Amino acid sequence: MTLSRILYLVVTCLLLAQGAAAATAKPPVAGTYATREQLRECLGLDDGLKARLHAMEAATVAHNQKFDANQAEGAKLVELKAKLDRGDKAAVQAFNQAVQEHNVHLQQVDEEAVAADVATKSLNADQAAVDQKCGPLTYRPADMDAVVKERRKAAATATAASAP
């Protein structure tokens, strides 16, 4: 199993574990309700986390494509090496240059994997903080309806403002 595939599985497992931890959070004290402002804040925090997760998923797809391309590039180099005329200095130099470029590509993919790991840990820490802050809160249905309407109106306004 490749490093990027393992990283993807780790991200998925950590996110599932965070969801399970949120489901086991202690319930709030009966009769206490959060404010609309708290609801707005928690929904905003959740939106930010979802956006980060989607960006990370897209980066993982791109990373896996680069990884697969590097695998194909490596296989091509193995074939070229088998056919290489070692007496032809230009051919040897071209092969060596291709190997150096391949090594750069491998290093880039490895660096992306390390960055993805850092981003995953950061996302998980932030998710835990949001779960701790917002998970125990209870909202009145009327507050939820009002805030959802506000958010829809704001989204519609933002969409209209960005249209040509």
Protein backbone atom coordinates (compact mmCIF):
# COMPACT_ATOMS: atom_id res chain seq x y z
CA MET A 1 0.00 0.00 0.00
CA THR A 2 1.40 3.39 -0.93
CA LEU A 3 2.05 6.27 1.46
CA SER A 4 -0.66 8.42 -0.13
CA ARG A 5 -3.24 5.64 0.05
CA ILE A 6 -2.35 5.02 3.69
CA LEU A 7 -2.66 8.76 4.34
CA TYR A 8 -6.12 8.76 2.77
CA LEU A 9 -7.21 5.87 4.98
CA VAL A 10 -5.82 7.61 8.07
CA VAL A 11 -7.73 10.80 7.21
CA THR A 12 -10.93 8.83 6.77
CA CYS A 13 -10.49 6.91 10.02
CA LEU A 14 -9.70 10.05 12.00
CA LEU A 15 -12.74 11.84 10.66
CA LEU A 16 -14.96 8.89 11.51
CA ALA A 17 -13.48 8.78 15.01
CA GLN A 18 -14.23 12.47 15.46
CA GLY A 19 -17.85 11.87 14.48
CA ALA A 20 -18.12 9.04 17.00
CA ALA A 21 -16.62 11.23 19.72
CA ALA A 22 -19.13 13.97 18.96
CA ALA A 23 -21.99 11.46 19.19
CA THR A 24 -20.93 10.48 22.70
CA ALA A 25 -20.67 14.06 23.99
CA LYS A 26 -22.46 14.79 27.26
CA PRO A 27 -25.95 16.24 26.81
CA PRO A 28 -26.56 19.80 27.95
CA VAL A 29 -28.34 20.63 31.15
CA ALA A 30 -32.09 20.47 30.57
CA GLY A 31 -33.80 23.79 30.12
CA THR A 32 -30.75 25.73 28.89
CA TYR A 33 -30.61 26.99 25.35
CA ALA A 34 -27.83 28.56 23.35
CA THR A 35 -28.30 31.96 21.79
CA ARG A 36 -28.78 32.65 18.09
CA GLU A 37 -25.33 34.20 18.06
CA GLN A 38 -23.86 30.96 19.40
CA LEU A 39 -25.78 29.05 16.74
CA ARG A 40 -24.47 31.37 14.02
CA GLU A 41 -20.94 30.94 15.30
CA CYS A 42 -21.18 27.15 15.49
CA LEU A 43 -22.70 26.86 12.03
CA GLY A 44 -19.97 29.14 10.67
CA LEU A 45 -17.27 27.05 12.33
CA ASP A 46 -18.83 23.90 10.90
CA ASP A 47 -18.95 25.45 7.43
CA GLY A 48 -15.26 26.29 7.68
CA LEU A 49 -14.39 22.75 8.72
CA LYS A 50 -16.44 21.29 5.87
CA ALA A 51 -14.73 23.57 3.35
CA ARG A 52 -11.32 22.51 4.65
CA LEU A 53 -12.31 18.85 4.46
CA HIS A 54 -13.51 19.22 0.85
CA ALA A 55 -10.27 21.01 -0.08
CA MET A 56 -8.28 18.22 1.55
CA GLU A 57 -10.29 15.57 -0.31
CA ALA A 58 -9.62 17.34 -3.62
CA ALA A 59 -5.92 17.61 -2.75
CA THR A 60 -5.87 13.89 -1.95
CA VAL A 61 -7.33 13.07 -5.35
CA ALA A 62 -4.73 15.28 -7.06
CA HIS A 63 -1.98 13.77 -4.92
CA ASN A 64 -3.03 10.25 -5.84
CA GLN A 65 -3.01 11.18 -9.53
CA LYS A 66 0.53 12.53 -9.20
CA PHE A 67 1.54 9.40 -7.33
CA ASP A 68 0.14 7.20 -10.10
CA ALA A 69 1.90 9.33 -12.71
CA ASN A 70 5.16 8.90 -10.81
CA GLN A 71 4.64 5.15 -10.74
CA ALA A 72 4.17 5.15 -14.53
CA GLU A 73 7.18 7.43 -14.94
CA GLY A 74 9.30 5.05 -12.84
CA ALA A 75 8.19 2.07 -14.90
CA LYS A 76 9.10 3.95 -18.08
CA LEU A 77 12.55 4.68 -16.68
CA VAL A 78 13.06 0.99 -15.94
CA GLU A 79 12.21 0.21 -19.56
CA LEU A 80 14.50 2.96 -20.84
CA LYS A 81 17.36 1.71 -18.69
CA ALA A 82 16.99 -1.79 -20.13
CA LYS A 83 17.22 -0.41 -23.68
CA LEU A 84 19.85 2.24 -22.92
CA ASP A 85 22.89 2.30 -25.19
CA ARG A 86 25.57 2.89 -22.56
CA GLY A 87 28.08 3.77 -25.26
CA ASP A 88 26.01 6.79 -26.35
CA LYS A 89 26.96 9.63 -24.00
CA ALA A 90 24.00 11.78 -25.06
CA ALA A 91 21.58 8.95 -24.38
CA VAL A 92 23.14 8.31 -20.95
CA GLN A 93 22.98 12.02 -20.10
CA ALA A 94 19.32 12.21 -21.21
CA PHE A 95 18.51 9.15 -19.10
CA ASN A 96 20.30 10.59 -16.07
CA GLN A 97 18.40 13.87 -16.52
CA ALA A 98 15.11 11.96 -16.67
CA VAL A 99 16.04 10.11 -13.46
CA GLN A 100 16.83 13.41 -11.72
CA GLU A 101 13.49 14.86 -12.81
CA HIS A 102 11.73 11.73 -11.59
CA ASN A 103 13.44 12.07 -8.21
CA VAL A 104 12.21 15.66 -7.98
CA HIS A 105 8.68 14.47 -8.73
CA LEU A 106 8.95 11.79 -6.02
CA GLN A 107 10.19 14.35 -3.51
CA GLN A 108 7.30 16.68 -4.35
CA VAL A 109 4.76 13.92 -3.76
CA ASP A 110 6.43 13.01 -0.46
CA GLU A 111 6.33 16.65 0.65
CA GLU A 112 2.64 16.83 -0.27
CA ALA A 113 1.99 13.74 1.85
CA VAL A 114 3.72 15.33 4.85
CA ALA A 115 1.75 18.55 4.36
CA ALA A 116 -1.49 16.56 4.11
CA ASP A 117 -0.67 14.81 7.36
CA VAL A 118 -0.13 18.15 9.09
CA ALA A 119 -3.37 19.50 7.62
CA THR A 120 -5.27 16.41 8.75
CA LYS A 121 -3.98 16.72 12.31
CA SER A 122 -4.89 20.41 12.33
CA LEU A 123 -8.37 19.72 11.00
CA ASN A 124 -8.93 17.00 13.57
CA ALA A 125 -7.81 19.27 16.41
CA ASP A 126 -10.07 22.05 15.18
CA GLN A 127 -12.97 19.61 14.78
CA ALA A 128 -12.46 18.44 18.36
CA ALA A 129 -12.47 22.04 19.57
CA VAL A 130 -15.69 22.80 17.68
CA ASP A 131 -17.28 19.61 18.97
CA GLN A 132 -16.35 20.55 22.52
CA LYS A 133 -17.64 24.08 22.10
CA CYS A 134 -20.77 23.45 20.07
CA GLY A 135 -21.66 19.81 20.65
CA PRO A 136 -23.32 20.25 24.05
CA LEU A 137 -25.41 23.25 22.96
CA THR A 138 -29.17 22.99 22.48
CA TYR A 139 -31.09 25.41 20.28
CA ARG A 140 -34.72 26.42 20.18
CA PRO A 141 -36.41 25.35 16.94
CA ALA A 142 -37.50 28.95 16.31
CA ASP A 143 -33.88 30.12 16.62
CA MET A 144 -32.74 27.39 14.26
CA ASP A 145 -35.38 28.34 11.68
CA ALA A 146 -34.48 32.04 11.92
CA VAL A 147 -30.75 31.46 11.55
CA VAL A 148 -31.22 29.03 8.66
CA LYS A 149 -33.35 31.64 6.86
CA GLU A 150 -30.67 34.29 7.48
CA ARG A 151 -28.00 32.01 6.07
CA ARG A 152 -30.05 31.17 2.98
CA LYS A 153 -30.70 34.86 2.35
CA ALA A 154 -27.01 35.68 2.79
CA ALA A 155 -26.03 32.84 0.43
CA ALA A 156 -28.53 34.04 -2.19
CA THR A 157 -27.24 37.60 -1.89
CA ALA A 158 -23.64 36.43 -2.22
CA THR A 159 -24.53 34.33 -5.27
CA ALA A 160 -26.35 37.25 -6.89
CA ALA A 161 -23.46 39.61 -6.16
CA SER A 162 -20.94 37.25 -7.78
CA ALA A 163 -23.04 36.72 -10.91
CA PRO A 164 -21.92 38.71 -13.98
